[in-house]
N, C-alpha and C. Protein backbone atom coordinates (compact mmCIF):
# COMPACT_ATOMS: atom_id res chain seq x y z
N MET A 1 116.37 94.00 12.14
CA MET A 1 115.08 94.37 12.69
C MET A 1 114.07 94.57 11.56
N LYS A 2 112.88 94.03 11.71
CA LYS A 2 111.87 94.11 10.66
C LYS A 2 110.90 95.27 10.93
N TYR A 3 110.54 95.93 9.84
CA TYR A 3 109.61 97.05 9.93
C TYR A 3 108.50 96.87 8.91
N ASN A 4 107.37 97.53 9.18
CA ASN A 4 106.29 97.64 8.21
C ASN A 4 106.44 99.01 7.56
N VAL A 5 106.83 99.05 6.28
CA VAL A 5 107.23 100.29 5.62
C VAL A 5 106.29 100.64 4.48
N GLU A 6 105.92 101.91 4.40
CA GLU A 6 105.13 102.42 3.27
C GLU A 6 105.84 103.66 2.70
N LEU A 7 105.83 103.79 1.39
CA LEU A 7 106.30 104.99 0.73
C LEU A 7 105.08 105.74 0.20
N LEU A 8 104.79 106.90 0.78
CA LEU A 8 103.63 107.68 0.39
C LEU A 8 104.07 108.82 -0.53
N ARG A 9 103.33 108.99 -1.63
CA ARG A 9 103.66 110.04 -2.59
C ARG A 9 102.51 111.04 -2.69
N GLN A 10 102.73 112.07 -3.49
CA GLN A 10 101.79 113.19 -3.58
C GLN A 10 100.35 112.74 -3.79
N GLU A 11 100.16 111.73 -4.64
CA GLU A 11 98.79 111.29 -4.95
C GLU A 11 98.11 110.60 -3.77
N ASN A 12 98.89 110.22 -2.73
CA ASN A 12 98.31 109.58 -1.56
C ASN A 12 97.74 110.59 -0.55
N TYR A 13 98.10 111.86 -0.68
CA TYR A 13 97.77 112.85 0.34
C TYR A 13 96.38 113.45 0.15
N LYS A 14 95.89 114.06 1.23
CA LYS A 14 94.59 114.72 1.20
C LYS A 14 94.77 116.23 1.27
N PRO A 15 94.56 116.95 0.16
CA PRO A 15 94.67 118.41 0.21
C PRO A 15 93.41 119.04 0.78
N THR A 16 93.58 120.08 1.57
CA THR A 16 92.46 120.81 2.14
C THR A 16 92.79 122.30 2.14
N PHE A 17 91.78 123.12 2.34
CA PHE A 17 92.00 124.56 2.44
C PHE A 17 91.67 125.00 3.87
N TRP A 18 92.42 125.97 4.36
CA TRP A 18 92.11 126.58 5.64
C TRP A 18 92.19 128.10 5.45
N SER A 19 91.89 128.86 6.49
CA SER A 19 91.77 130.32 6.34
C SER A 19 93.07 130.98 5.91
N GLY A 20 94.21 130.32 6.20
CA GLY A 20 95.50 130.93 5.87
C GLY A 20 96.10 130.47 4.57
N GLY A 21 95.50 129.45 3.92
CA GLY A 21 96.06 128.96 2.67
C GLY A 21 95.73 127.50 2.42
N MET A 22 96.69 126.77 1.89
CA MET A 22 96.51 125.37 1.50
C MET A 22 97.17 124.46 2.53
N ALA A 23 96.52 123.35 2.85
CA ALA A 23 97.09 122.36 3.78
C ALA A 23 97.01 120.98 3.15
N THR A 24 97.93 120.12 3.54
CA THR A 24 97.97 118.75 3.02
C THR A 24 98.15 117.78 4.17
N GLU A 25 97.23 116.84 4.27
CA GLU A 25 97.33 115.79 5.29
C GLU A 25 98.18 114.66 4.72
N LEU A 26 99.33 114.39 5.34
CA LEU A 26 100.23 113.35 4.85
C LEU A 26 99.79 111.96 5.31
N THR A 27 99.58 111.82 6.60
CA THR A 27 99.14 110.53 7.14
C THR A 27 98.55 110.74 8.53
N THR A 28 97.65 109.84 8.91
CA THR A 28 97.07 109.87 10.24
C THR A 28 97.02 108.45 10.81
N TYR A 29 96.92 108.38 12.11
CA TYR A 29 96.73 107.08 12.78
C TYR A 29 95.62 107.26 13.81
N PRO A 30 94.69 106.30 13.94
CA PRO A 30 94.57 105.03 13.18
C PRO A 30 94.27 105.26 11.70
N PRO A 31 94.48 104.21 10.88
CA PRO A 31 94.12 104.32 9.47
C PRO A 31 92.65 104.71 9.31
N ASN A 32 92.39 105.52 8.31
CA ASN A 32 91.04 106.02 7.99
C ASN A 32 90.56 107.11 8.95
N SER A 33 91.39 107.52 9.92
CA SER A 33 91.06 108.70 10.70
C SER A 33 91.46 109.93 9.89
N ASP A 34 90.99 111.10 10.31
CA ASP A 34 91.39 112.31 9.60
C ASP A 34 91.23 113.54 10.49
N TYR A 35 91.81 114.62 10.04
CA TYR A 35 91.78 115.88 10.79
C TYR A 35 90.35 116.40 10.94
N ALA A 36 89.59 116.35 9.86
CA ALA A 36 88.24 116.91 9.89
C ALA A 36 87.37 116.25 10.95
N SER A 37 87.54 114.94 11.12
CA SER A 37 86.72 114.20 12.10
C SER A 37 87.28 114.28 13.51
N GLN A 38 88.52 114.78 13.63
CA GLN A 38 89.18 114.87 14.94
C GLN A 38 89.21 113.53 15.66
N ASN A 39 89.42 112.46 14.89
CA ASN A 39 89.45 111.12 15.49
C ASN A 39 90.82 110.47 15.37
N PHE A 40 91.84 111.27 15.10
CA PHE A 40 93.20 110.74 14.99
C PHE A 40 93.88 110.70 16.36
N LEU A 41 94.89 109.81 16.49
CA LEU A 41 95.76 109.79 17.66
C LEU A 41 97.08 110.50 17.37
N TRP A 42 97.51 110.40 16.10
CA TRP A 42 98.61 111.26 15.66
C TRP A 42 98.45 111.55 14.17
N ARG A 43 99.02 112.67 13.76
CA ARG A 43 98.82 113.16 12.40
C ARG A 43 100.04 113.95 11.93
N LEU A 44 100.40 113.77 10.67
CA LEU A 44 101.45 114.57 10.04
C LEU A 44 100.84 115.35 8.88
N GLY A 45 101.21 116.61 8.76
CA GLY A 45 100.70 117.42 7.67
C GLY A 45 101.63 118.56 7.35
N VAL A 46 101.43 119.16 6.18
CA VAL A 46 102.14 120.38 5.81
C VAL A 46 101.10 121.44 5.44
N ALA A 47 101.47 122.68 5.65
CA ALA A 47 100.54 123.78 5.34
C ALA A 47 101.33 124.96 4.81
N LYS A 48 100.69 125.69 3.93
CA LYS A 48 101.27 126.91 3.39
C LYS A 48 100.48 128.08 3.94
N ILE A 49 101.19 129.01 4.60
CA ILE A 49 100.57 130.21 5.15
C ILE A 49 100.81 131.34 4.16
N ASP A 50 99.74 131.74 3.46
CA ASP A 50 99.85 132.68 2.35
C ASP A 50 99.50 134.11 2.71
N ILE A 51 98.99 134.33 3.90
CA ILE A 51 98.55 135.67 4.28
C ILE A 51 99.43 136.19 5.43
N PRO A 52 99.59 137.50 5.55
CA PRO A 52 100.53 138.05 6.55
C PRO A 52 100.16 137.76 8.00
N GLU A 53 98.87 137.55 8.26
CA GLU A 53 98.42 137.29 9.63
C GLU A 53 97.31 136.25 9.59
N SER A 54 97.42 135.24 10.44
CA SER A 54 96.39 134.20 10.48
C SER A 54 96.21 133.71 11.90
N THR A 55 95.13 132.97 12.12
CA THR A 55 94.82 132.41 13.44
C THR A 55 94.65 130.91 13.31
N PHE A 56 95.35 130.16 14.17
CA PHE A 56 95.23 128.70 14.14
C PHE A 56 93.91 128.25 14.73
N SER A 57 93.44 127.10 14.26
CA SER A 57 92.21 126.51 14.80
C SER A 57 92.42 126.06 16.24
N ASN A 58 91.34 126.12 17.01
CA ASN A 58 91.37 125.65 18.39
C ASN A 58 91.15 124.14 18.38
N LEU A 59 92.12 123.39 18.92
CA LEU A 59 92.06 121.93 18.91
C LEU A 59 92.25 121.41 20.33
N PRO A 60 91.17 121.22 21.07
CA PRO A 60 91.28 120.76 22.46
C PRO A 60 91.98 119.40 22.56
N LYS A 61 92.80 119.27 23.57
CA LYS A 61 93.47 118.01 23.93
C LYS A 61 94.45 117.53 22.86
N VAL A 62 94.96 118.45 22.03
CA VAL A 62 95.93 118.10 21.00
C VAL A 62 97.24 118.81 21.30
N LEU A 63 98.36 118.07 21.25
CA LEU A 63 99.69 118.67 21.33
C LEU A 63 100.18 118.89 19.91
N ARG A 64 100.83 120.01 19.71
CA ARG A 64 101.23 120.37 18.34
C ARG A 64 102.72 120.73 18.30
N LYS A 65 103.43 120.12 17.37
CA LYS A 65 104.81 120.50 17.09
C LYS A 65 104.85 121.01 15.66
N LEU A 66 105.44 122.19 15.48
CA LEU A 66 105.42 122.85 14.18
C LEU A 66 106.83 123.28 13.81
N MET A 67 107.25 122.97 12.58
CA MET A 67 108.56 123.36 12.08
C MET A 67 108.39 124.06 10.73
N THR A 68 109.04 125.19 10.55
CA THR A 68 108.99 125.84 9.25
C THR A 68 109.87 125.07 8.26
N ILE A 69 109.41 124.96 7.03
CA ILE A 69 110.22 124.30 6.00
C ILE A 69 110.58 125.28 4.87
N GLU A 70 109.97 126.45 4.90
CA GLU A 70 110.32 127.51 3.95
C GLU A 70 109.83 128.83 4.51
N GLY A 71 110.65 129.86 4.44
CA GLY A 71 110.27 131.17 4.94
C GLY A 71 110.46 131.27 6.44
N LYS A 72 109.81 132.27 7.05
CA LYS A 72 109.86 132.43 8.50
C LYS A 72 108.57 133.06 8.99
N ILE A 73 108.17 132.70 10.19
CA ILE A 73 106.96 133.25 10.80
C ILE A 73 107.19 133.50 12.28
N THR A 74 106.34 134.34 12.83
CA THR A 74 106.30 134.53 14.28
C THR A 74 105.01 133.91 14.80
N LEU A 75 105.14 133.05 15.81
CA LEU A 75 103.97 132.50 16.50
C LEU A 75 103.72 133.32 17.75
N ASP A 76 102.50 133.79 17.89
CA ASP A 76 102.12 134.57 19.06
C ASP A 76 101.06 133.79 19.83
N HIS A 77 101.46 133.19 20.94
CA HIS A 77 100.53 132.46 21.81
C HIS A 77 100.01 133.44 22.87
N GLU A 78 98.74 133.80 22.76
CA GLU A 78 98.17 134.84 23.62
C GLU A 78 98.37 134.53 25.10
N ASP A 79 98.90 135.50 25.83
CA ASP A 79 99.16 135.40 27.28
C ASP A 79 100.21 134.34 27.61
N LYS A 80 100.94 133.87 26.61
CA LYS A 80 102.00 132.87 26.85
C LYS A 80 103.35 133.44 26.43
N TYR A 81 103.64 133.41 25.13
CA TYR A 81 104.91 133.92 24.60
C TYR A 81 104.80 134.04 23.09
N SER A 82 105.75 134.76 22.51
CA SER A 82 105.89 134.84 21.05
C SER A 82 107.24 134.25 20.67
N LYS A 83 107.30 133.65 19.47
CA LYS A 83 108.54 133.02 19.04
C LYS A 83 108.70 133.15 17.54
N LEU A 84 109.86 133.64 17.13
CA LEU A 84 110.19 133.73 15.71
C LEU A 84 110.78 132.40 15.26
N LEU A 85 110.24 131.84 14.17
CA LEU A 85 110.75 130.60 13.62
C LEU A 85 111.33 130.85 12.24
N ASN A 86 112.65 130.74 12.12
CA ASN A 86 113.29 130.73 10.82
C ASN A 86 113.18 129.33 10.23
N THR A 87 113.62 129.17 9.00
CA THR A 87 113.49 127.88 8.32
C THR A 87 114.17 126.78 9.12
N PHE A 88 113.43 125.69 9.34
CA PHE A 88 113.82 124.49 10.08
C PHE A 88 113.97 124.71 11.59
N GLU A 89 113.38 125.80 12.09
CA GLU A 89 113.23 125.96 13.53
C GLU A 89 111.82 125.54 13.92
N GLN A 90 111.62 125.19 15.20
CA GLN A 90 110.33 124.63 15.60
C GLN A 90 109.85 125.15 16.93
N ASP A 91 108.56 124.92 17.17
CA ASP A 91 107.93 125.26 18.44
C ASP A 91 106.94 124.15 18.77
N ASP A 92 106.72 123.89 20.05
CA ASP A 92 105.68 122.95 20.45
C ASP A 92 104.77 123.62 21.45
N PHE A 93 103.47 123.35 21.32
CA PHE A 93 102.49 124.05 22.14
C PHE A 93 101.20 123.25 22.18
N ILE A 94 100.34 123.63 23.10
CA ILE A 94 99.03 123.00 23.23
C ILE A 94 98.09 123.67 22.23
N ALA A 95 97.37 122.88 21.45
CA ALA A 95 96.65 123.42 20.31
C ALA A 95 95.34 124.12 20.66
N ASP A 96 94.98 124.17 21.94
CA ASP A 96 93.82 125.00 22.29
C ASP A 96 94.25 126.37 22.81
N TRP A 97 95.56 126.67 22.75
CA TRP A 97 95.99 128.04 23.01
C TRP A 97 95.48 128.93 21.87
N LYS A 98 95.30 130.20 22.17
CA LYS A 98 94.97 131.17 21.13
C LYS A 98 96.27 131.58 20.45
N THR A 99 96.46 131.09 19.23
CA THR A 99 97.73 131.28 18.53
C THR A 99 97.52 131.98 17.19
N LYS A 100 98.26 133.07 17.01
CA LYS A 100 98.25 133.79 15.74
C LYS A 100 99.64 133.66 15.10
N THR A 101 99.67 133.78 13.77
CA THR A 101 100.94 133.77 13.06
C THR A 101 101.10 135.08 12.30
N TYR A 102 102.36 135.51 12.19
CA TYR A 102 102.69 136.70 11.42
C TYR A 102 103.82 136.34 10.45
N GLY A 103 103.58 136.57 9.17
CA GLY A 103 104.55 136.23 8.15
C GLY A 103 104.05 135.11 7.26
N LYS A 104 104.73 134.90 6.15
CA LYS A 104 104.36 133.86 5.20
C LYS A 104 105.41 132.75 5.21
N ALA A 105 104.94 131.51 5.22
CA ALA A 105 105.87 130.38 5.31
C ALA A 105 105.14 129.09 4.97
N SER A 106 105.91 128.05 4.73
CA SER A 106 105.39 126.68 4.68
C SER A 106 105.83 125.98 5.95
N VAL A 107 104.94 125.20 6.54
CA VAL A 107 105.24 124.58 7.84
C VAL A 107 104.89 123.09 7.82
N PHE A 108 105.59 122.35 8.66
CA PHE A 108 105.34 120.93 8.86
C PHE A 108 104.73 120.77 10.24
N ASN A 109 103.66 119.98 10.34
CA ASN A 109 102.91 119.82 11.59
C ASN A 109 102.92 118.37 12.07
N LEU A 110 103.19 118.19 13.33
CA LEU A 110 102.94 116.92 14.01
C LEU A 110 101.92 117.20 15.11
N MET A 111 100.79 116.49 15.05
CA MET A 111 99.76 116.62 16.07
C MET A 111 99.58 115.27 16.76
N THR A 112 99.50 115.29 18.09
CA THR A 112 99.31 114.05 18.86
C THR A 112 98.26 114.29 19.93
N ARG A 113 97.67 113.20 20.40
CA ARG A 113 96.70 113.32 21.47
C ARG A 113 96.72 112.05 22.33
N GLU A 114 95.98 112.11 23.45
CA GLU A 114 95.91 111.03 24.44
C GLU A 114 97.33 110.70 24.91
N ASN A 115 97.76 109.44 24.85
CA ASN A 115 99.09 109.11 25.38
C ASN A 115 100.16 109.06 24.29
N TYR A 116 99.88 109.65 23.13
CA TYR A 116 100.87 109.71 22.04
C TYR A 116 101.61 111.05 22.09
N ASN A 117 102.87 111.00 21.67
CA ASN A 117 103.68 112.21 21.60
C ASN A 117 104.73 111.99 20.52
N GLY A 118 105.59 112.96 20.31
CA GLY A 118 106.59 112.79 19.27
C GLY A 118 107.60 113.91 19.24
N ASP A 119 108.59 113.75 18.36
CA ASP A 119 109.66 114.72 18.17
C ASP A 119 109.88 114.94 16.69
N LEU A 120 110.35 116.14 16.34
CA LEU A 120 110.73 116.47 14.98
C LEU A 120 112.23 116.75 14.93
N VAL A 121 112.89 116.20 13.92
CA VAL A 121 114.33 116.39 13.74
C VAL A 121 114.59 116.78 12.29
N HIS A 122 115.39 117.80 12.08
CA HIS A 122 115.77 118.21 10.72
C HIS A 122 117.12 117.60 10.35
N LEU A 123 117.17 116.96 9.19
CA LEU A 123 118.42 116.42 8.65
C LEU A 123 118.71 117.07 7.31
N ASN A 124 120.00 117.21 6.97
CA ASN A 124 120.34 117.58 5.60
C ASN A 124 121.51 116.74 5.13
N ILE A 125 121.44 116.35 3.86
CA ILE A 125 122.46 115.50 3.26
C ILE A 125 123.07 116.26 2.09
N SER A 126 124.39 116.37 2.09
CA SER A 126 125.07 117.04 0.99
C SER A 126 124.90 116.22 -0.29
N PRO A 127 125.02 116.88 -1.45
CA PRO A 127 124.84 116.16 -2.72
C PRO A 127 125.73 114.92 -2.82
N ASN A 128 125.09 113.80 -3.20
CA ASN A 128 125.79 112.53 -3.44
C ASN A 128 126.56 112.02 -2.22
N LYS A 129 126.07 112.34 -1.02
CA LYS A 129 126.69 111.87 0.22
C LYS A 129 125.73 110.95 0.97
N GLN A 130 126.23 110.32 2.04
CA GLN A 130 125.42 109.44 2.87
C GLN A 130 125.32 110.02 4.29
N LEU A 131 124.23 109.65 4.95
CA LEU A 131 124.03 110.05 6.34
C LEU A 131 123.40 108.89 7.09
N LYS A 132 123.96 108.55 8.24
CA LYS A 132 123.35 107.51 9.08
C LYS A 132 122.49 108.19 10.15
N PHE A 133 121.18 107.84 10.14
CA PHE A 133 120.29 108.33 11.19
C PHE A 133 120.13 107.24 12.23
N GLU A 134 120.40 107.57 13.47
CA GLU A 134 120.33 106.60 14.57
C GLU A 134 119.42 107.14 15.65
N TYR A 135 118.54 106.27 16.17
CA TYR A 135 117.64 106.68 17.23
C TYR A 135 117.62 105.62 18.31
N LYS A 136 117.91 106.05 19.53
CA LYS A 136 117.85 105.17 20.70
C LYS A 136 116.58 105.50 21.48
N VAL A 137 115.75 104.51 21.71
CA VAL A 137 114.45 104.72 22.36
C VAL A 137 114.67 105.01 23.85
N PRO A 138 114.18 106.14 24.35
CA PRO A 138 114.32 106.44 25.78
C PRO A 138 113.54 105.44 26.64
N LEU A 139 113.96 105.33 27.88
CA LEU A 139 113.23 104.48 28.82
C LEU A 139 111.81 104.99 29.01
N LYS A 140 110.90 104.08 29.22
CA LYS A 140 109.49 104.37 29.49
C LYS A 140 108.76 104.97 28.29
N LYS A 141 109.33 104.78 27.08
CA LYS A 141 108.64 105.22 25.87
C LYS A 141 108.53 104.04 24.91
N ASP A 142 107.36 103.91 24.31
CA ASP A 142 107.09 102.82 23.37
C ASP A 142 107.09 103.41 21.96
N LEU A 143 108.14 103.12 21.20
CA LEU A 143 108.26 103.67 19.85
C LEU A 143 107.17 103.11 18.96
N VAL A 144 106.50 104.00 18.21
CA VAL A 144 105.40 103.62 17.35
C VAL A 144 105.80 103.70 15.88
N ALA A 145 106.41 104.82 15.48
CA ALA A 145 106.74 105.02 14.07
C ALA A 145 107.89 106.01 13.93
N ILE A 146 108.64 105.84 12.84
CA ILE A 146 109.63 106.82 12.42
C ILE A 146 109.29 107.17 10.97
N CYS A 147 109.17 108.47 10.69
CA CYS A 147 108.76 108.91 9.35
C CYS A 147 109.79 109.89 8.79
N PHE A 148 110.12 109.72 7.51
CA PHE A 148 111.07 110.61 6.84
C PHE A 148 110.32 111.37 5.74
N TYR A 149 110.21 112.69 5.89
CA TYR A 149 109.55 113.52 4.88
C TYR A 149 110.61 114.30 4.11
N THR A 150 110.60 114.16 2.78
CA THR A 150 111.58 114.83 1.94
C THR A 150 111.09 116.22 1.57
N VAL A 151 111.73 117.23 2.15
CA VAL A 151 111.36 118.62 1.88
C VAL A 151 111.80 119.02 0.48
N ASN A 152 113.02 118.66 0.13
CA ASN A 152 113.55 118.90 -1.22
C ASN A 152 114.70 117.93 -1.48
N GLY A 153 115.07 117.81 -2.74
CA GLY A 153 116.10 116.83 -3.09
C GLY A 153 115.50 115.44 -3.15
N GLY A 154 116.24 114.46 -2.67
CA GLY A 154 115.77 113.08 -2.66
C GLY A 154 116.85 112.17 -2.10
N PHE A 155 116.45 111.00 -1.63
CA PHE A 155 117.42 110.06 -1.08
C PHE A 155 116.95 108.63 -1.30
N ILE A 156 117.89 107.71 -1.11
CA ILE A 156 117.62 106.28 -1.20
C ILE A 156 117.97 105.64 0.14
N SER A 157 117.13 104.71 0.57
CA SER A 157 117.40 103.97 1.80
C SER A 157 116.94 102.53 1.62
N THR A 158 117.74 101.60 2.09
CA THR A 158 117.38 100.18 2.03
C THR A 158 116.85 99.75 3.40
N ILE A 159 115.58 99.31 3.43
CA ILE A 159 114.93 98.90 4.67
C ILE A 159 114.27 97.55 4.42
N ASN A 160 114.53 96.59 5.29
CA ASN A 160 114.00 95.23 5.10
C ASN A 160 114.40 94.66 3.73
N ASP A 161 115.62 94.96 3.30
CA ASP A 161 116.14 94.46 2.02
C ASP A 161 115.39 95.02 0.81
N THR A 162 114.61 96.07 1.02
CA THR A 162 113.91 96.74 -0.07
C THR A 162 114.46 98.15 -0.22
N ILE A 163 114.69 98.57 -1.47
CA ILE A 163 115.21 99.91 -1.73
C ILE A 163 114.04 100.88 -1.88
N PHE A 164 114.07 101.95 -1.10
CA PHE A 164 113.07 103.01 -1.19
C PHE A 164 113.77 104.27 -1.69
N GLU A 165 113.22 104.87 -2.74
CA GLU A 165 113.80 106.08 -3.32
C GLU A 165 112.77 107.20 -3.26
N THR A 166 113.15 108.32 -2.65
CA THR A 166 112.22 109.43 -2.47
C THR A 166 112.59 110.60 -3.35
N VAL A 167 111.57 111.41 -3.66
CA VAL A 167 111.76 112.71 -4.28
C VAL A 167 111.02 113.72 -3.40
N LYS A 168 111.04 114.97 -3.78
CA LYS A 168 110.41 116.04 -3.01
C LYS A 168 108.96 115.69 -2.66
N ASN A 169 108.60 115.92 -1.40
CA ASN A 169 107.25 115.73 -0.84
C ASN A 169 106.90 114.28 -0.53
N ASP A 170 107.80 113.33 -0.75
CA ASP A 170 107.53 111.94 -0.40
C ASP A 170 107.70 111.72 1.10
N LEU A 171 106.97 110.72 1.62
CA LEU A 171 107.05 110.36 3.04
C LEU A 171 107.28 108.86 3.16
N ILE A 172 108.36 108.48 3.84
CA ILE A 172 108.56 107.08 4.20
C ILE A 172 108.00 106.89 5.61
N LEU A 173 107.00 106.04 5.73
CA LEU A 173 106.34 105.76 7.00
C LEU A 173 106.80 104.39 7.48
N ILE A 174 107.52 104.36 8.60
CA ILE A 174 108.07 103.12 9.14
C ILE A 174 107.36 102.81 10.44
N ASN A 175 106.48 101.83 10.40
CA ASN A 175 105.81 101.38 11.61
C ASN A 175 106.71 100.39 12.33
N CYS A 176 106.97 100.67 13.58
CA CYS A 176 107.94 99.87 14.33
C CYS A 176 107.24 98.72 15.04
N VAL A 177 107.13 97.60 14.33
CA VAL A 177 106.48 96.42 14.89
C VAL A 177 107.29 95.91 16.09
N ASP A 178 108.60 95.83 15.92
CA ASP A 178 109.51 95.47 17.01
C ASP A 178 110.18 96.76 17.44
N SER A 179 109.69 97.35 18.52
CA SER A 179 110.16 98.69 18.86
C SER A 179 111.63 98.70 19.25
N GLY A 180 112.14 97.61 19.84
CA GLY A 180 113.57 97.52 20.13
C GLY A 180 114.11 98.73 20.87
N TYR A 181 115.43 98.86 20.87
CA TYR A 181 116.08 99.97 21.57
C TYR A 181 116.80 100.88 20.60
N ASN A 182 117.51 100.30 19.64
CA ASN A 182 118.34 101.08 18.75
C ASN A 182 117.89 100.89 17.30
N HIS A 183 117.72 102.01 16.59
CA HIS A 183 117.25 101.96 15.21
C HIS A 183 118.20 102.77 14.34
N GLU A 184 118.67 102.18 13.24
CA GLU A 184 119.61 102.84 12.36
C GLU A 184 119.12 102.77 10.91
N PHE A 185 119.24 103.88 10.20
CA PHE A 185 118.87 103.94 8.79
C PHE A 185 119.94 104.71 8.04
N MET A 186 120.41 104.15 6.93
CA MET A 186 121.39 104.82 6.09
C MET A 186 120.65 105.53 4.94
N LEU A 187 120.85 106.81 4.83
CA LEU A 187 120.18 107.64 3.82
C LEU A 187 121.25 108.12 2.84
N SER A 188 121.04 107.88 1.55
CA SER A 188 122.03 108.23 0.53
C SER A 188 121.42 109.21 -0.46
N SER A 189 122.05 110.38 -0.58
CA SER A 189 121.58 111.37 -1.54
C SER A 189 122.04 110.98 -2.94
N ARG A 190 121.14 111.13 -3.91
CA ARG A 190 121.47 110.85 -5.30
C ARG A 190 121.16 112.07 -6.17
N THR A 191 121.16 113.25 -5.58
CA THR A 191 120.83 114.46 -6.33
C THR A 191 121.99 115.44 -6.27
N SER A 192 121.93 116.45 -7.12
CA SER A 192 122.98 117.46 -7.18
C SER A 192 122.71 118.63 -6.24
N GLU A 193 121.63 118.55 -5.46
CA GLU A 193 121.31 119.59 -4.48
C GLU A 193 121.29 119.00 -3.09
N THR A 194 121.40 119.86 -2.09
CA THR A 194 121.28 119.41 -0.70
C THR A 194 119.88 118.89 -0.46
N THR A 195 119.79 117.73 0.18
CA THR A 195 118.50 117.13 0.51
C THR A 195 118.14 117.47 1.96
N ASN A 196 116.97 118.06 2.16
CA ASN A 196 116.48 118.36 3.51
C ASN A 196 115.35 117.40 3.86
N ILE A 197 115.41 116.87 5.06
CA ILE A 197 114.47 115.85 5.52
C ILE A 197 113.98 116.23 6.91
N ILE A 198 112.69 116.01 7.16
CA ILE A 198 112.18 116.11 8.52
C ILE A 198 111.83 114.71 9.00
N VAL A 199 112.43 114.33 10.11
CA VAL A 199 112.15 113.04 10.74
C VAL A 199 111.12 113.25 11.85
N SER A 200 110.04 112.49 11.78
CA SER A 200 109.03 112.50 12.84
C SER A 200 109.15 111.20 13.62
N ILE A 201 109.35 111.31 14.91
CA ILE A 201 109.49 110.13 15.77
C ILE A 201 108.26 110.10 16.67
N ILE A 202 107.45 109.07 16.52
CA ILE A 202 106.17 108.97 17.23
C ILE A 202 106.30 107.88 18.29
N TYR A 203 105.82 108.17 19.49
CA TYR A 203 105.89 107.17 20.55
C TYR A 203 104.70 107.32 21.50
N ARG A 204 104.50 106.28 22.29
CA ARG A 204 103.51 106.32 23.37
C ARG A 204 104.25 106.47 24.68
N ASN A 205 103.73 107.31 25.55
CA ASN A 205 104.35 107.49 26.87
C ASN A 205 104.00 106.33 27.80
């Protein structure tokens, strides 16, 4: 199966500041869209929450999936529910809810709108080991992209006969030209530490 693959590194990202700390926009779709303009259909980003209490921005018509990648926080959705997120735990919610956070952490964000949606999956690879990631596309969903974000460590994967090697903070963006049904990727750790990866699976309903 052929894919359109990009390896994005630190210098490709857009750093921004928000009331709670530093944020980094990893990638958005369509190309040249961005968070500030609110013209994206889907977006991946990471943010560092440096203050004990913060309030998320109100984003009408945006679905948000958030996973902690370091530390732990409590999300308090006013008149809805509160949820404690330890490292690599996640929550999904509508981004126009009134949401406050308590605690300091780094988080990974997937934002989608209109008929786009997605899932986040945490993977870890033991030092110098291999892991096969397999994804079967559910019925009535059109797969758009699969993205691998390296939280720490690093891995190698061969896609379209090309070797891609990641280090911390790198993102492999795989646009699924032929969405097919079954997708498999072999990820090989080449480091002496455990490699943690967040997989973002983007699809249209």
